[in-house]
Amino acid sequence: MAIHPTAIIAEGAKIAPDVEIGAYSIIGANVSIDSGTWIGPHVVIEGHTSIGKNNRIFQFCSLGAVPQDKKYAGEPTRLEIGDGNTIREFCTFNIGTAQDVGVTRMGNNNWIMAYVHLGHDCQVGNNTIFANNATLGGHVHIGDWVILGGFTSVHQFCHIGAHAMTAFSSAVAQDVPPYVMAHGNRAVPSGINAEGLKRRGFSPEQIRNIRNAYKSLYRKGLSFDDAKAEITAAAAGNAELDLFVQFFETANRGIIR
């Protein structure tokens, strides 16, 4: 364990033997950090926070602080961070609240740039990229492989489906379906993330099916219910469209239009 002599590690913290902790960082009593993780200088990790393996957490991050929610009354809610994440300077991740599942959660292999905020009870998947100053209100759900452009802001309770992408300074006030690109204030759809899908190994046929689903949602003049029915029917035998079906079951703020 390489812990700088100026770092403060509370009694009770569970730190794997090979974790590195930089100068003046503070680790609370209810924190656990697994092997291979590197903590830079001037990082504060508090609350009931668990951090997995092989993460890199840069200087001046604040992880596990109480929610920015006036209803919070000191409940032992949690922050959980998986493996292989990069969390750059000045990020703030809060613990959850008793009004939701009680856990703010980030998965694996996420690339989180400077000044990103995860509000309480956010659920972030795997392999995402959040550019500088992306901000999530409380209770936001982000699917796998999502890319948030710099200064994207996401309203509380919104869901963003897997493989979606937002442009710089997007203001997301409704749910963004999987694969969809969004831009603007308020965010509106602007096609599918075809280039990203190609890079992830989607076949031309799969991308064509996804593009057709997008047309059902946004180009045919169908009602939302009729578009859902058309996409659900097309999903039979086309697994890539299952993400739409699953998304429709959980989206609760209406989709961007």
Protein backbone atom coordinates (compact mmCIF):
# COMPACT_ATOMS: atom_id res chain seq x y z
CA MET A 1 0.00 0.00 0.00
CA ALA A 2 1.43 3.37 -1.05
CA ILE A 3 -0.26 5.96 1.14
CA HIS A 4 1.24 9.44 1.31
CA PRO A 5 2.08 10.37 4.92
CA THR A 6 -0.19 13.43 4.76
CA ALA A 7 -3.27 11.41 3.76
CA ILE A 8 -5.85 10.77 6.49
CA ILE A 9 -7.37 7.28 6.60
CA ALA A 10 -10.11 6.82 9.17
CA GLU A 11 -10.12 3.76 11.37
CA GLY A 12 -12.47 1.20 9.86
CA ALA A 13 -11.76 2.03 6.21
CA LYS A 14 -11.07 -1.09 4.15
CA ILE A 15 -8.18 -0.47 1.77
CA ALA A 16 -6.65 -3.21 -0.39
CA PRO A 17 -2.88 -3.63 0.12
CA ASP A 18 -1.86 -2.24 -3.28
CA VAL A 19 -4.08 0.86 -3.34
CA GLU A 20 -2.24 4.16 -3.81
CA ILE A 21 -3.50 7.28 -2.03
CA GLY A 22 -2.04 10.70 -2.71
CA ALA A 23 -1.11 13.63 -0.53
CA TYR A 24 -3.76 15.24 1.68
CA SER A 25 -6.52 12.88 0.60
CA ILE A 26 -9.14 11.91 3.20
CA ILE A 27 -10.77 8.47 3.37
CA GLY A 28 -13.74 7.95 5.69
CA ALA A 29 -14.45 5.11 8.09
CA ASN A 30 -17.17 3.49 5.95
CA VAL A 31 -15.19 3.46 2.70
CA SER A 32 -13.86 0.35 0.98
CA ILE A 33 -11.38 0.50 -1.92
CA ASP A 34 -10.40 -2.61 -3.86
CA SER A 35 -7.07 -3.56 -5.40
CA GLY A 36 -5.29 -1.67 -8.14
CA THR A 37 -7.09 1.62 -7.53
CA TRP A 38 -5.14 4.87 -7.55
CA ILE A 39 -6.37 7.90 -5.59
CA GLY A 40 -4.71 11.21 -6.41
CA PRO A 41 -3.96 14.08 -4.01
CA HIS A 42 -6.63 16.17 -2.27
CA VAL A 43 -9.44 13.64 -2.84
CA VAL A 44 -12.22 13.26 -0.25
CA ILE A 45 -14.04 9.93 -0.13
CA GLU A 46 -16.64 9.65 2.61
CA GLY A 47 -20.01 8.10 3.45
CA HIS A 48 -20.83 4.45 2.85
CA THR A 49 -18.81 4.23 -0.35
CA SER A 50 -17.38 1.19 -2.10
CA ILE A 51 -14.89 1.50 -4.95
CA GLY A 52 -13.88 -1.49 -7.05
CA LYS A 53 -10.67 -2.51 -8.77
CA ASN A 54 -8.29 -0.58 -11.02
CA ASN A 55 -9.95 2.82 -10.83
CA ARG A 56 -8.09 6.12 -11.28
CA ILE A 57 -9.51 9.01 -9.26
CA PHE A 58 -7.85 12.35 -9.83
CA GLN A 59 -7.25 15.30 -7.53
CA PHE A 60 -9.98 17.34 -5.86
CA CYS A 61 -12.79 14.82 -6.35
CA SER A 62 -15.53 14.56 -3.70
CA LEU A 63 -17.12 11.11 -3.58
CA GLY A 64 -19.77 9.90 -1.15
CA ALA A 65 -20.91 13.21 0.32
CA VAL A 66 -24.51 13.55 1.49
CA PRO A 67 -27.12 14.28 -1.18
CA GLN A 68 -28.04 17.79 -2.23
CA ASP A 69 -31.59 16.97 -1.15
CA LYS A 70 -33.38 18.68 1.73
CA LYS A 71 -35.27 15.46 2.50
CA TYR A 72 -32.07 13.62 3.40
CA ALA A 73 -32.10 12.85 7.12
CA GLY A 74 -28.83 11.00 7.64
CA GLU A 75 -29.90 7.56 6.43
CA PRO A 76 -26.97 5.15 5.75
CA THR A 77 -27.37 5.25 1.98
CA ARG A 78 -24.53 4.36 -0.37
CA LEU A 79 -22.31 5.16 -3.33
CA GLU A 80 -21.03 2.19 -5.34
CA ILE A 81 -18.36 2.51 -8.05
CA GLY A 82 -17.31 -0.54 -10.08
CA ASP A 83 -14.03 -1.43 -11.77
CA GLY A 84 -11.77 0.25 -14.29
CA ASN A 85 -13.25 3.73 -14.14
CA THR A 86 -11.35 6.95 -14.76
CA ILE A 87 -12.72 9.89 -12.76
CA ARG A 88 -11.00 13.16 -13.53
CA GLU A 89 -10.56 16.35 -11.49
CA PHE A 90 -13.29 18.02 -9.40
CA CYS A 91 -16.00 15.39 -9.88
CA THR A 92 -18.76 15.15 -7.25
CA PHE A 93 -20.72 11.92 -6.71
CA ASN A 94 -23.33 11.88 -3.90
CA ILE A 95 -24.78 8.94 -1.99
CA GLY A 96 -28.40 7.89 -2.51
CA THR A 97 -31.59 8.68 -0.62
CA ALA A 98 -34.16 6.63 1.25
CA GLN A 99 -36.81 7.86 -1.20
CA ASP A 100 -35.24 5.76 -4.00
CA VAL A 101 -33.13 2.59 -3.96
CA GLY A 102 -30.71 4.19 -1.53
CA VAL A 103 -27.68 3.72 -3.78
CA THR A 104 -25.97 5.94 -6.33
CA ARG A 105 -24.26 3.47 -8.64
CA MET A 106 -21.66 3.57 -11.41
CA GLY A 107 -20.63 0.43 -13.30
CA ASN A 108 -17.37 -0.45 -15.01
CA ASN A 109 -14.95 1.09 -17.50
CA ASN A 110 -16.49 4.56 -17.54
CA TRP A 111 -14.49 7.60 -18.65
CA ILE A 112 -15.59 10.58 -16.55
CA MET A 113 -14.01 13.94 -17.34
CA ALA A 114 -13.55 16.95 -15.06
CA TYR A 115 -16.33 18.64 -13.08
CA VAL A 116 -18.93 15.92 -13.67
CA HIS A 117 -21.72 15.71 -11.08
CA LEU A 118 -23.72 12.58 -10.25
CA GLY A 119 -26.74 13.48 -8.15
CA HIS A 120 -28.23 11.13 -5.58
CA ASP A 121 -29.64 7.80 -6.73
CA CYS A 122 -28.23 8.03 -10.26
CA GLN A 123 -27.65 4.69 -11.96
CA VAL A 124 -24.84 4.73 -14.54
CA GLY A 125 -24.01 1.66 -16.63
CA ASN A 126 -20.75 0.59 -18.25
CA ASN A 127 -18.42 2.02 -20.89
CA THR A 128 -19.89 5.51 -20.82
CA ILE A 129 -18.09 8.78 -21.58
CA PHE A 130 -19.12 11.96 -19.77
CA ALA A 131 -17.32 15.03 -21.10
CA ASN A 132 -16.41 18.01 -18.92
CA ASN A 133 -19.16 19.53 -16.75
CA ALA A 134 -21.84 16.96 -17.57
CA THR A 135 -24.38 17.19 -14.75
CA LEU A 136 -26.95 14.60 -13.69
CA GLY A 137 -29.83 15.53 -11.42
CA GLY A 138 -31.07 13.00 -8.89
CA HIS A 139 -32.55 9.65 -9.92
CA VAL A 140 -31.17 9.76 -13.49
CA HIS A 141 -30.53 6.44 -15.27
CA ILE A 142 -27.81 6.21 -17.92
CA GLY A 143 -27.43 3.08 -20.07
CA ASP A 144 -24.26 1.39 -21.29
CA TRP A 145 -22.09 3.10 -23.92
CA VAL A 146 -23.81 6.48 -23.54
CA ILE A 147 -21.76 9.57 -24.46
CA LEU A 148 -22.66 12.90 -22.86
CA GLY A 149 -21.19 15.97 -24.53
CA GLY A 150 -19.56 18.70 -22.46
CA PHE A 151 -21.94 20.79 -20.32
CA THR A 152 -24.83 18.39 -20.90
CA SER A 153 -27.38 18.75 -18.13
CA VAL A 154 -29.91 16.00 -17.40
CA HIS A 155 -33.10 16.72 -15.46
CA GLN A 156 -33.89 14.57 -12.45
CA PHE A 157 -35.66 11.25 -13.13
CA CYS A 158 -34.69 11.22 -16.83
CA HIS A 159 -33.52 8.01 -18.49
CA ILE A 160 -30.99 7.91 -21.33
CA GLY A 161 -30.91 4.61 -23.21
CA ALA A 162 -27.85 2.59 -24.15
CA HIS A 163 -25.66 3.86 -27.02
CA ALA A 164 -27.33 7.29 -27.01
CA MET A 165 -25.29 10.45 -27.39
CA THR A 166 -25.81 14.13 -26.54
CA ALA A 167 -24.17 17.14 -28.13
CA PHE A 168 -22.29 19.92 -26.34
CA SER A 169 -24.53 21.93 -23.96
CA SER A 170 -27.60 19.73 -24.41
CA ALA A 171 -30.34 20.24 -21.83
CA VAL A 172 -32.14 16.92 -21.43
CA ALA A 173 -35.59 17.28 -19.86
CA GLN A 174 -37.20 14.07 -21.13
CA ASP A 175 -36.07 10.52 -21.76
CA VAL A 176 -33.67 9.81 -24.63
CA PRO A 177 -34.27 6.43 -26.32
CA PRO A 178 -31.38 4.05 -26.94
CA TYR A 179 -29.14 4.71 -29.96
CA VAL A 180 -30.52 8.24 -30.41
CA MET A 181 -28.42 11.39 -30.75
CA ALA A 182 -29.82 14.50 -29.06
CA HIS A 183 -28.91 18.18 -29.10
CA GLY A 184 -30.18 21.56 -28.02
CA ASN A 185 -31.95 23.29 -25.16
CA ARG A 186 -34.36 21.58 -24.76
CA ALA A 187 -32.80 18.51 -26.30
CA VAL A 188 -34.40 17.14 -29.47
CA PRO A 189 -33.56 14.01 -31.50
CA SER A 190 -31.14 14.24 -34.42
CA GLY A 191 -30.74 10.73 -35.82
CA ILE A 192 -29.01 7.66 -34.49
CA ASN A 193 -25.42 7.22 -33.35
CA ALA A 194 -24.53 5.16 -36.43
CA GLU A 195 -20.80 5.81 -36.34
CA GLY A 196 -20.57 4.71 -32.71
CA LEU A 197 -22.51 1.56 -33.51
CA LYS A 198 -20.14 0.69 -36.35
CA ARG A 199 -17.18 1.06 -33.99
CA ARG A 200 -18.86 -1.30 -31.51
CA GLY A 201 -19.35 -4.03 -34.11
CA PHE A 202 -22.99 -3.59 -35.07
CA SER A 203 -23.65 -5.01 -38.53
CA PRO A 204 -25.13 -2.94 -41.40
CA GLU A 205 -28.38 -4.90 -41.03
CA GLN A 206 -28.58 -4.15 -37.30
CA ILE A 207 -27.94 -0.46 -37.90
CA ARG A 208 -30.60 -0.45 -40.61
CA ASN A 209 -33.10 -2.00 -38.17
CA ILE A 210 -32.24 0.63 -35.55
CA ARG A 211 -32.63 3.40 -38.13
CA ASN A 212 -36.04 2.03 -39.08
CA ALA A 213 -37.06 2.04 -35.42
CA TYR A 214 -35.97 5.67 -35.21
CA LYS A 215 -38.17 6.43 -38.22
CA SER A 216 -41.10 4.78 -36.47
CA LEU A 217 -40.58 7.04 -33.46
CA TYR A 218 -39.83 10.28 -35.24
CA ARG A 219 -40.44 10.26 -38.99
CA LYS A 220 -43.69 8.45 -39.78
CA GLY A 221 -46.10 10.66 -37.87
CA LEU A 222 -47.18 7.78 -35.65
CA SER A 223 -48.50 8.22 -32.15
CA PHE A 224 -46.09 7.09 -29.46
CA ASP A 225 -48.23 4.03 -28.69
CA ASP A 226 -48.37 3.03 -32.36
CA ALA A 227 -44.61 3.54 -32.75
CA LYS A 228 -43.97 1.37 -29.69
CA ALA A 229 -46.18 -1.37 -31.11
CA GLU A 230 -44.39 -1.26 -34.46
CA ILE A 231 -40.94 -1.42 -32.86
CA THR A 232 -42.00 -4.18 -30.48
CA ALA A 233 -43.22 -6.27 -33.41
CA ALA A 234 -39.96 -5.64 -35.30
CA ALA A 235 -37.95 -6.69 -32.24
CA ALA A 236 -39.01 -10.31 -32.68
CA GLY A 237 -35.89 -11.92 -34.07
CA ASN A 238 -33.88 -8.67 -33.97
CA ALA A 239 -32.18 -8.55 -30.59
CA GLU A 240 -30.74 -5.08 -31.13
CA LEU A 241 -34.29 -3.69 -30.92
CA ASP A 242 -34.88 -5.25 -27.51
CA LEU A 243 -33.22 -2.20 -25.98
CA PHE A 244 -36.10 -0.09 -27.27
CA VAL A 245 -38.68 -2.45 -25.79
CA GLN A 246 -36.94 -2.49 -22.41
CA PHE A 247 -36.57 1.28 -22.49
CA PHE A 248 -40.27 1.83 -23.15
CA GLU A 249 -41.09 -0.20 -20.03
CA THR A 250 -39.07 2.06 -17.73
CA ALA A 251 -39.16 5.53 -19.32
CA ASN A 252 -41.39 7.78 -17.25
CA ARG A 253 -40.94 11.38 -18.42
CA GLY A 254 -41.94 10.97 -22.04
CA ILE A 255 -39.34 10.81 -24.80
CA ILE A 256 -37.66 13.78 -26.43
CA ARG A 257 -39.53 14.95 -29.53
